[in-house]
Amino acid sequence: MQKYSIFSLIKNAFTNHQNWDVAWRDPEPKKEYDAIIIGGGGHGLATAYYLAKEHKITNIAILEKGWIGGGNVGRNTTILRSNYMWDANGLFYEHGMKLWENLSQELNYNVMYSPRGIINLAHSDAQLNAYARRGNSMRLNGIDALMLGRNELKKMIPFADFSETARFPIFGALMQPRGGTARHDAVAWGYARQADSMGVDIIQHCEVIGFDIQDGKIKGVQTSRGNIKTKKVGLCVAGSTSLLAEKLNMKLPIEAHVLQACVSEPLKPFLDHVVTFGAGHFYCSQSDKGEMVMGGDLDGYNSYAQRGNLPTLQHVLSEGVAMFPNLSRLKILRTWGGIMDMSMDGSPVIDKSHIEGLYLNFGWCYGGFKATPVSGWTFAYTIAQDRPHKLNEKFKLNRFNTGHLIDEKGVGTKTWIG
């Protein structure tokens, strides 16, 4: 890797970034690969990386219809956590937290991992009891969890509405101290660069338009840049999963919805944690640039658009002002939307399909970004070994037929339920 001094960085800044090395190659598609990962987002990049690193499968192509970083991996609020109630999700995401802790060293790229702590506010005795139950479940699984009272919270977030006239009085909170944030585009670039260095072909602007299936086995994919042969295909396309599933004559238990987020003008540092509003669906943190990064509820209607509507944003920000009144005069700089594939129980699917050689990764709801390392790690294992890893064996597709749902409610869908 080429080294740059501070003087060469300044020089290149004034010369249209000439002489910079490319971060990864831009190859032409080969005629055949050992495995193809469809989707160049965080999960697809991580899957290809761990296939190459852990399972020594390097003849891999990542097919991305757009560009690296243009999908959900660049359209989220960067939150990381493992504060789940049920064992399947708790153990899965906790393994992910351990991967996050060393990811910058793993990828030799600063992903700006920041374990600043995530605080879930409670606004009733019943909600506080539900948080205590979830916290106990977390601690039984070796996951860090703290119950906080009003006095502790007043020291940590004194600008919250603790007044006697507050519409949503704060009773306490559940905190995961190791929760936090990471830089979303750095995660994508780090995985892409390392996967490329191990021989993985990252092929952008290559849309999958069909599949070659013979005798119940995958034989290849049809793309906008020609047909490519392969015996293993992994689907990692987030909100576009149902569109590709339709090309496979599959109907999956998911719906596509838009989830909006926004950032404000920059402020001096004042919020040290990630905080969620317990009486609605609002969450915020402060970026390194001082911007308030805020998100909330789905737009409600089914859509494949990467933009949302103003009424939903108004609703979400009203909740934010109810929690932190000092946000009321902030100017919003920009908004964006990501396409969520919402599963029927709020938990994902990482599994083999009924088509030999076709593997599924979808249904991440609100949890896609924080799952990036562990999703890729377990999906790579599932593809390479042709069987689920212990961490994702509960995330099978047939649970929707058998009734073995993993219904998180308060974490998978609405944060104020439980």
Protein backbone atom coordinates (compact mmCIF):
# COMPACT_ATOMS: atom_id res chain seq x y z
CA MET A 1 0.00 0.00 0.00
CA GLN A 2 1.42 3.39 -1.00
CA LYS A 3 2.36 5.72 1.86
CA TYR A 4 1.39 9.39 1.74
CA SER A 5 3.02 12.19 3.72
CA ILE A 6 1.01 15.17 4.90
CA PHE A 7 2.62 17.23 2.14
CA SER A 8 1.64 14.79 -0.61
CA LEU A 9 -1.92 14.73 0.76
CA ILE A 10 -2.11 18.53 0.55
CA LYS A 11 -0.58 18.50 -2.93
CA ASN A 12 -3.09 15.94 -4.21
CA ALA A 13 -5.96 17.92 -2.69
CA PHE A 14 -5.14 20.74 -5.14
CA THR A 15 -4.52 18.52 -8.18
CA ASN A 16 -7.90 16.76 -8.51
CA HIS A 17 -6.58 13.74 -6.60
CA GLN A 18 -4.21 12.65 -9.36
CA ASN A 19 -1.77 9.83 -8.66
CA TRP A 20 -3.94 8.17 -6.00
CA ASP A 21 -3.98 4.38 -6.02
CA VAL A 22 -7.38 2.82 -6.65
CA ALA A 23 -8.89 1.21 -3.55
CA TRP A 24 -9.98 -1.87 -5.50
CA ARG A 25 -9.89 -3.11 -9.08
CA ASP A 26 -12.65 -2.67 -11.65
CA PRO A 27 -12.43 -6.02 -13.48
CA GLU A 28 -14.44 -7.41 -16.33
CA PRO A 29 -16.62 -10.39 -15.31
CA LYS A 30 -15.12 -13.82 -15.84
CA LYS A 31 -17.10 -16.54 -17.57
CA GLU A 32 -17.23 -18.66 -14.38
CA TYR A 33 -16.70 -18.33 -10.61
CA ASP A 34 -16.72 -20.75 -7.70
CA ALA A 35 -19.24 -18.49 -5.95
CA ILE A 36 -21.17 -15.33 -6.75
CA ILE A 37 -22.45 -12.90 -4.15
CA ILE A 38 -25.28 -10.72 -5.43
CA GLY A 39 -25.23 -7.36 -3.69
CA GLY A 40 -22.23 -5.14 -3.00
CA GLY A 41 -23.48 -3.70 0.27
CA GLY A 42 -22.01 -4.37 3.69
CA HIS A 43 -23.36 -7.92 3.99
CA GLY A 44 -22.27 -8.93 0.49
CA LEU A 45 -18.78 -7.46 0.89
CA ALA A 46 -18.34 -9.06 4.31
CA THR A 47 -19.54 -12.43 3.00
CA ALA A 48 -17.03 -12.40 0.16
CA TYR A 49 -14.25 -11.29 2.50
CA TYR A 50 -14.87 -14.09 5.01
CA LEU A 51 -15.29 -16.67 2.22
CA ALA A 52 -11.81 -15.73 1.04
CA LYS A 53 -10.19 -15.33 4.45
CA GLU A 54 -11.81 -18.09 6.52
CA HIS A 55 -12.69 -20.65 3.84
CA LYS A 56 -9.99 -20.00 1.19
CA ILE A 57 -12.54 -19.57 -1.59
CA THR A 58 -11.13 -16.67 -3.62
CA ASN A 59 -12.58 -17.20 -7.10
CA ILE A 60 -15.57 -15.05 -6.16
CA ALA A 61 -17.49 -12.24 -7.83
CA ILE A 62 -19.57 -9.60 -6.07
CA LEU A 63 -22.22 -8.32 -8.46
CA GLU A 64 -23.56 -4.85 -7.65
CA LYS A 65 -26.19 -3.21 -9.85
CA GLY A 66 -25.10 0.25 -8.68
CA TRP A 67 -21.90 1.26 -6.95
CA ILE A 68 -20.22 0.23 -3.72
CA GLY A 69 -21.71 2.27 -0.89
CA GLY A 70 -24.78 3.39 -2.83
CA GLY A 71 -27.30 1.17 -1.05
CA ASN A 72 -28.28 0.60 2.57
CA VAL A 73 -24.68 0.37 3.79
CA GLY A 74 -24.45 4.10 3.09
CA ARG A 75 -28.05 4.86 4.11
CA ASN A 76 -28.36 4.16 7.82
CA THR A 77 -27.74 5.72 11.23
CA THR A 78 -24.57 3.69 11.98
CA ILE A 79 -25.80 2.22 15.31
CA LEU A 80 -24.22 -0.95 16.75
CA ARG A 81 -25.73 -3.00 19.57
CA SER A 82 -26.58 -6.50 20.82
CA ASN A 83 -29.31 -5.62 23.34
CA TYR A 84 -31.76 -8.35 22.34
CA MET A 85 -34.15 -10.36 24.45
CA TRP A 86 -34.06 -13.80 22.88
CA ASP A 87 -31.01 -16.04 22.79
CA ALA A 88 -30.93 -16.46 19.00
CA ASN A 89 -30.58 -12.74 18.36
CA GLY A 90 -28.60 -11.92 21.50
CA LEU A 91 -25.83 -14.45 20.86
CA PHE A 92 -25.77 -13.66 17.15
CA TYR A 93 -25.39 -9.90 17.55
CA GLU A 94 -23.01 -10.27 20.50
CA HIS A 95 -20.64 -12.22 18.26
CA GLY A 96 -21.02 -9.32 15.87
CA MET A 97 -20.06 -6.85 18.61
CA LYS A 98 -16.86 -8.81 19.22
CA LEU A 99 -16.08 -8.62 15.50
CA TRP A 100 -16.75 -4.86 15.53
CA GLU A 101 -14.31 -4.34 18.38
CA ASN A 102 -11.37 -5.55 16.26
CA LEU A 103 -12.64 -4.71 12.79
CA SER A 104 -10.29 -1.78 12.12
CA GLN A 105 -7.30 -4.02 12.87
CA GLU A 106 -8.86 -6.90 10.93
CA LEU A 107 -9.34 -4.80 7.79
CA ASN A 108 -6.31 -2.52 8.29
CA TYR A 109 -8.75 0.34 7.79
CA ASN A 110 -10.19 2.70 10.38
CA VAL A 111 -13.94 2.02 10.54
CA MET A 112 -14.22 4.60 13.36
CA TYR A 113 -15.79 2.15 15.81
CA SER A 114 -17.05 4.16 18.78
CA PRO A 115 -18.41 2.20 21.81
CA ARG A 116 -20.11 5.24 23.30
CA GLY A 117 -23.02 3.32 24.84
CA ILE A 118 -26.66 3.09 23.82
CA ILE A 119 -29.40 4.24 26.20
CA ASN A 120 -33.03 3.09 25.81
CA LEU A 121 -35.26 5.46 27.78
CA ALA A 122 -38.29 4.11 29.67
CA HIS A 123 -41.39 6.27 30.22
CA SER A 124 -43.51 4.04 32.46
CA ASP A 125 -43.13 1.47 35.23
CA ALA A 126 -44.30 -1.26 32.86
CA GLN A 127 -41.68 -0.34 30.29
CA LEU A 128 -38.98 -0.20 32.95
CA ASN A 129 -39.97 -3.72 34.06
CA ALA A 130 -39.78 -4.93 30.45
CA TYR A 131 -36.32 -3.39 30.11
CA ALA A 132 -35.20 -5.08 33.33
CA ARG A 133 -36.34 -8.43 31.93
CA ARG A 134 -34.45 -7.82 28.70
CA GLY A 135 -31.37 -6.68 30.65
CA ASN A 136 -31.44 -9.85 32.74
CA SER A 137 -31.65 -11.94 29.57
CA MET A 138 -28.68 -10.07 28.13
CA ARG A 139 -26.56 -10.59 31.24
CA LEU A 140 -27.38 -14.31 31.30
CA ASN A 141 -25.89 -14.45 27.79
CA GLY A 142 -22.77 -12.56 28.87
CA ILE A 143 -23.88 -9.29 27.26
CA ASP A 144 -23.28 -6.02 29.11
CA ALA A 145 -26.43 -4.34 30.41
CA LEU A 146 -27.08 -1.66 33.03
CA MET A 147 -30.32 -0.33 34.48
CA LEU A 148 -30.17 3.44 35.04
CA GLY A 149 -32.34 5.60 37.30
CA ARG A 150 -33.45 9.20 36.82
CA ASN A 151 -30.61 10.69 38.83
CA GLU A 152 -27.97 8.83 36.82
CA LEU A 153 -29.62 9.89 33.57
CA LYS A 154 -29.76 13.54 34.65
CA LYS A 155 -25.96 13.47 34.87
CA MET A 156 -25.54 11.75 31.51
CA ILE A 157 -28.19 13.60 29.45
CA PRO A 158 -29.13 16.69 31.49
CA PHE A 159 -30.73 18.36 28.45
CA ALA A 160 -33.50 15.70 28.26
CA ASP A 161 -36.95 16.69 29.51
CA PHE A 162 -36.97 15.72 33.18
CA SER A 163 -39.54 18.37 34.12
CA GLU A 164 -42.70 17.62 36.10
CA THR A 165 -44.78 18.75 33.13
CA ALA A 166 -43.06 16.45 30.64
CA ARG A 167 -45.55 14.70 28.39
CA PHE A 168 -43.40 11.56 28.52
CA PRO A 169 -41.74 11.46 31.98
CA ILE A 170 -38.45 9.59 32.14
CA PHE A 171 -38.57 6.72 34.66
CA GLY A 172 -35.17 5.21 33.91
CA ALA A 173 -33.35 3.39 31.11
CA LEU A 174 -31.60 0.26 29.92
CA MET A 175 -28.04 0.88 28.75
CA GLN A 176 -25.60 -1.27 26.83
CA PRO A 177 -22.23 0.43 27.48
CA ARG A 178 -20.48 -1.34 24.57
CA GLY A 179 -23.11 -0.25 22.07
CA GLY A 180 -22.22 2.64 19.82
CA THR A 181 -21.54 3.60 16.22
CA ALA A 182 -19.15 3.06 13.31
CA ARG A 183 -18.56 4.93 10.07
CA HIS A 184 -20.79 3.23 7.49
CA ASP A 185 -18.85 4.10 4.31
CA ALA A 186 -15.54 3.19 5.95
CA VAL A 187 -16.96 -0.27 6.70
CA ALA A 188 -17.88 -0.73 3.04
CA TRP A 189 -14.52 0.51 1.79
CA GLY A 190 -12.56 -1.53 4.30
CA TYR A 191 -14.27 -4.80 3.38
CA ALA A 192 -14.10 -4.00 -0.35
CA ARG A 193 -10.39 -3.23 -0.27
CA GLN A 194 -9.47 -6.36 1.68
CA ALA A 195 -11.72 -8.66 -0.39
CA ASP A 196 -10.18 -7.26 -3.58
CA SER A 197 -6.66 -7.82 -2.21
CA MET A 198 -7.47 -11.54 -1.83
CA GLY A 199 -8.62 -11.86 -5.44
CA VAL A 200 -12.37 -11.22 -5.15
CA ASP A 201 -13.76 -9.48 -8.24
CA ILE A 202 -15.97 -6.51 -7.33
CA ILE A 203 -18.11 -5.85 -10.40
CA GLN A 204 -20.15 -2.66 -10.21
CA HIS A 205 -23.00 -1.60 -12.51
CA CYS A 206 -23.81 -5.25 -13.14
CA GLU A 207 -27.49 -6.02 -12.61
CA VAL A 208 -28.72 -9.59 -12.22
CA ILE A 209 -31.68 -10.08 -14.56
CA GLY A 210 -32.19 -13.83 -14.26
CA PHE A 211 -30.92 -17.19 -13.04
CA ASP A 212 -29.88 -20.42 -14.77
CA ILE A 213 -31.38 -23.37 -12.89
CA GLN A 214 -31.27 -26.97 -14.07
CA ASP A 215 -32.68 -29.98 -12.23
CA GLY A 216 -33.14 -27.93 -9.08
CA LYS A 217 -29.53 -26.73 -9.04
CA ILE A 218 -28.08 -23.27 -9.63
CA LYS A 219 -25.86 -23.18 -12.70
CA GLY A 220 -25.29 -19.47 -13.18
CA VAL A 221 -26.73 -15.99 -13.33
CA GLN A 222 -27.83 -13.76 -16.19
CA THR A 223 -26.61 -10.19 -15.88
CA SER A 224 -26.66 -6.91 -17.77
CA ARG A 225 -23.01 -7.67 -18.62
CA GLY A 226 -23.53 -11.23 -19.83
CA ASN A 227 -24.14 -14.71 -18.40
CA ILE A 228 -21.83 -16.02 -15.69
CA LYS A 229 -21.53 -19.65 -14.61
CA THR A 230 -21.33 -20.71 -10.99
CA LYS A 231 -22.49 -23.47 -8.64
CA LYS A 232 -23.05 -21.23 -5.59
CA VAL A 233 -24.99 -17.98 -5.35
CA GLY A 234 -25.56 -15.91 -2.23
CA LEU A 235 -28.37 -13.33 -2.20
CA CYS A 236 -27.42 -10.22 -0.16
CA VAL A 237 -29.57 -7.46 -1.66
CA ALA A 238 -31.45 -6.08 1.37
CA GLY A 239 -34.67 -4.31 0.30
CA SER A 240 -34.45 -5.68 -3.25
CA THR A 241 -34.67 -9.30 -2.06
CA SER A 242 -38.31 -9.75 -3.07
CA LEU A 243 -37.54 -8.48 -6.60
CA LEU A 244 -34.85 -11.12 -7.16
CA ALA A 245 -36.93 -13.78 -5.41
CA GLU A 246 -39.66 -13.15 -7.97
CA LYS A 247 -37.19 -14.08 -10.72
CA LEU A 248 -36.72 -17.38 -8.87
CA ASN A 249 -40.50 -17.95 -8.51
CA MET A 250 -40.11 -17.57 -4.75
CA LYS A 251 -42.42 -15.63 -2.45
CA LEU A 252 -40.72 -14.65 0.79
CA PRO A 253 -42.27 -13.54 4.14
CA ILE A 254 -41.04 -9.95 3.86
CA GLU A 255 -42.30 -6.51 2.87
CA ALA A 256 -40.21 -3.66 1.46
CA HIS A 257 -40.54 -0.34 3.30
CA VAL A 258 -38.65 2.94 3.31
CA LEU A 259 -36.87 3.98 6.50
CA GLN A 260 -35.84 7.62 6.63
CA ALA A 261 -33.03 9.30 8.52
CA CYS A 262 -31.58 12.79 8.64
CA VAL A 263 -28.70 14.88 9.97
CA SER A 264 -28.77 18.38 11.39
CA GLU A 265 -26.39 21.28 11.13
CA PRO A 266 -23.24 20.67 13.22
CA LEU A 267 -23.17 21.61 16.90
CA LYS A 268 -20.51 21.66 19.57
CA PRO A 269 -20.25 18.19 21.19
CA PHE A 270 -22.97 17.65 23.79
CA LEU A 271 -24.37 14.13 23.29
CA ASP A 272 -21.89 11.42 24.27
CA HIS A 273 -24.19 8.42 23.72
CA VAL A 274 -26.78 6.94 21.39
CA VAL A 275 -30.20 7.61 22.93
CA THR A 276 -33.59 6.17 21.96
CA PHE A 277 -37.00 7.56 22.84
CA GLY A 278 -39.10 4.96 24.64
CA ALA A 279 -42.53 6.47 23.93
CA GLY A 280 -42.09 6.44 20.16
CA HIS A 281 -39.59 5.40 17.56
CA PHE A 282 -36.80 7.98 17.56
CA TYR A 283 -33.08 7.59 18.10
CA CYS A 284 -30.12 9.92 17.77
CA SER A 285 -26.39 10.28 18.20
CA GLN A 286 -23.85 12.99 17.42
CA SER A 287 -21.33 12.45 14.66
CA ASP A 288 -17.66 13.35 14.82
CA LYS A 289 -18.48 16.42 12.71
CA GLY A 290 -21.05 17.56 15.29
CA GLU A 291 -24.14 16.70 13.26
CA MET A 292 -27.10 15.13 15.04
CA VAL A 293 -27.81 11.82 13.28
CA MET A 294 -31.50 11.00 13.75
CA GLY A 295 -33.84 8.25 12.64
CA GLY A 296 -37.19 6.75 13.48
CA ASP A 297 -40.16 4.96 12.04
CA LEU A 298 -40.93 3.43 8.65
CA ASP A 299 -42.89 5.45 6.12
CA GLY A 300 -45.60 2.80 6.44
CA TYR A 301 -46.38 2.10 2.80
CA ASN A 302 -44.58 -0.43 0.61
CA SER A 303 -41.96 1.16 -1.61
CA TYR A 304 -38.65 0.52 -3.37
CA ALA A 305 -37.78 4.24 -3.45
CA GLN A 306 -34.68 5.50 -1.63
CA ARG A 307 -36.51 8.58 -0.42
CA GLY A 308 -39.29 9.15 2.08
CA ASN A 309 -42.06 11.63 2.77
CA LEU A 310 -42.23 14.77 4.89
CA PRO A 311 -45.11 13.76 7.24
CA THR A 312 -43.16 10.78 8.55
CA LEU A 313 -40.08 12.92 9.09
CA GLN A 314 -42.18 15.51 10.94
CA HIS A 315 -43.65 12.78 13.13
CA VAL A 316 -40.22 11.38 13.98
CA LEU A 317 -38.66 14.75 14.74
CA SER A 318 -41.61 15.69 16.94
CA GLU A 319 -40.72 12.70 19.10
CA GLY A 320 -37.12 13.88 19.18
CA VAL A 321 -38.14 17.32 20.42
CA ALA A 322 -40.34 15.72 23.08
CA MET A 323 -37.25 13.86 24.33
CA PHE A 324 -34.68 16.64 23.83
CA PRO A 325 -36.43 20.06 23.70
CA ASN A 326 -33.11 21.74 22.79
CA LEU A 327 -33.31 20.15 19.32
CA SER A 328 -36.32 22.28 18.37
CA ARG A 329 -34.39 25.09 16.66
CA LEU A 330 -31.99 22.89 14.73
CA LYS A 331 -31.80 23.14 10.95
CA ILE A 332 -31.87 19.84 9.05
CA LEU A 333 -29.10 19.55 6.46
CA ARG A 334 -30.11 16.45 4.53
CA THR A 335 -32.33 13.40 4.62
CA TRP A 336 -32.20 10.00 2.97
CA GLY A 337 -34.08 6.72 2.84
CA GLY A 338 -33.08 3.08 2.83
CA ILE A 339 -35.18 0.16 1.60
CA MET A 340 -35.86 -2.25 4.47
CA ASP A 341 -36.95 -5.84 3.89
CA MET A 342 -39.11 -6.26 6.97
CA SER A 343 -39.63 -9.87 8.08
CA MET A 344 -42.79 -10.97 9.83
CA ASP A 345 -41.11 -11.52 13.21
CA GLY A 346 -38.47 -8.78 13.12
CA SER A 347 -35.59 -11.26 12.79
CA PRO A 348 -33.46 -12.16 9.74
CA VAL A 349 -33.10 -15.23 7.55
CA ILE A 350 -29.69 -16.75 6.78
CA ASP A 351 -30.31 -20.13 5.22
CA LYS A 352 -30.06 -22.52 2.32
CA SER A 353 -32.91 -22.45 -0.16
CA HIS A 354 -34.77 -25.32 -1.81
CA ILE A 355 -32.60 -24.70 -4.90
CA GLU A 356 -29.24 -26.43 -4.51
CA GLY A 357 -26.44 -23.88 -4.42
CA LEU A 358 -28.69 -20.89 -3.73
CA TYR A 359 -28.34 -19.25 -0.31
CA LEU A 360 -30.51 -16.54 1.26
CA ASN A 361 -29.65 -13.57 3.45
CA PHE A 362 -32.55 -11.16 4.07
CA GLY A 363 -35.12 -9.77 6.50
CA TRP A 364 -32.83 -7.46 8.50
CA CYS A 365 -35.51 -4.92 9.38
CA TYR A 366 -33.85 -2.19 11.46
CA GLY A 367 -30.74 -4.28 12.20
CA GLY A 368 -28.86 -4.48 8.92
CA PHE A 369 -25.84 -2.25 9.48
CA LYS A 370 -24.92 -3.49 12.95
CA ALA A 371 -25.12 -7.08 11.69
CA THR A 372 -22.62 -6.49 8.86
CA PRO A 373 -19.62 -8.45 10.23
CA VAL A 374 -21.53 -11.33 11.83
CA SER A 375 -23.93 -11.63 8.90
CA GLY A 376 -21.00 -11.95 6.50
CA TRP A 377 -19.14 -14.32 8.84
CA THR A 378 -22.05 -16.73 9.29
CA PHE A 379 -23.30 -16.46 5.70
CA ALA A 380 -19.82 -17.28 4.41
CA TYR A 381 -19.80 -20.37 6.63
CA THR A 382 -23.26 -21.40 5.40
CA ILE A 383 -22.21 -21.06 1.75
CA ALA A 384 -18.83 -22.74 2.15
CA GLN A 385 -20.02 -25.62 4.35
CA ASP A 386 -23.49 -25.94 2.81
CA ARG A 387 -25.05 -25.84 6.28
CA PRO A 388 -25.90 -23.14 8.81
CA HIS A 389 -23.47 -22.16 11.53
CA LYS A 390 -24.66 -22.62 15.10
CA LEU A 391 -25.11 -18.84 15.37
CA ASN A 392 -27.60 -18.69 12.50
CA GLU A 393 -29.26 -22.11 12.72
CA LYS A 394 -32.38 -20.51 14.27
CA PHE A 395 -32.66 -18.06 11.37
CA LYS A 396 -34.11 -20.64 8.98
CA LEU A 397 -36.71 -19.75 6.40
CA ASN A 398 -39.06 -22.58 7.39
CA ARG A 399 -39.66 -21.11 10.86
CA PHE A 400 -42.51 -19.14 9.32
CA ASN A 401 -44.14 -22.48 8.44
CA THR A 402 -43.36 -24.28 11.69
CA GLY A 403 -44.23 -21.36 13.98
CA HIS A 404 -40.77 -21.13 15.59
CA LEU A 405 -40.68 -17.34 15.30
CA ILE A 406 -38.06 -15.12 16.96
CA ASP A 407 -40.31 -12.23 17.85
CA GLU A 408 -38.27 -9.45 19.43
CA LYS A 409 -41.07 -6.83 19.33
CA GLY A 410 -39.31 -4.10 21.29
CA VAL A 411 -36.00 -4.36 19.43
CA GLY A 412 -36.92 -5.85 16.08
CA THR A 413 -39.81 -3.54 15.35
CA LYS A 414 -41.14 -0.93 17.80
CA THR A 415 -38.79 0.11 20.56
CA TRP A 416 -41.49 1.08 23.02
CA ILE A 417 -43.32 -2.25 23.24
CA GLY A 418 -40.89 -4.39 25.22
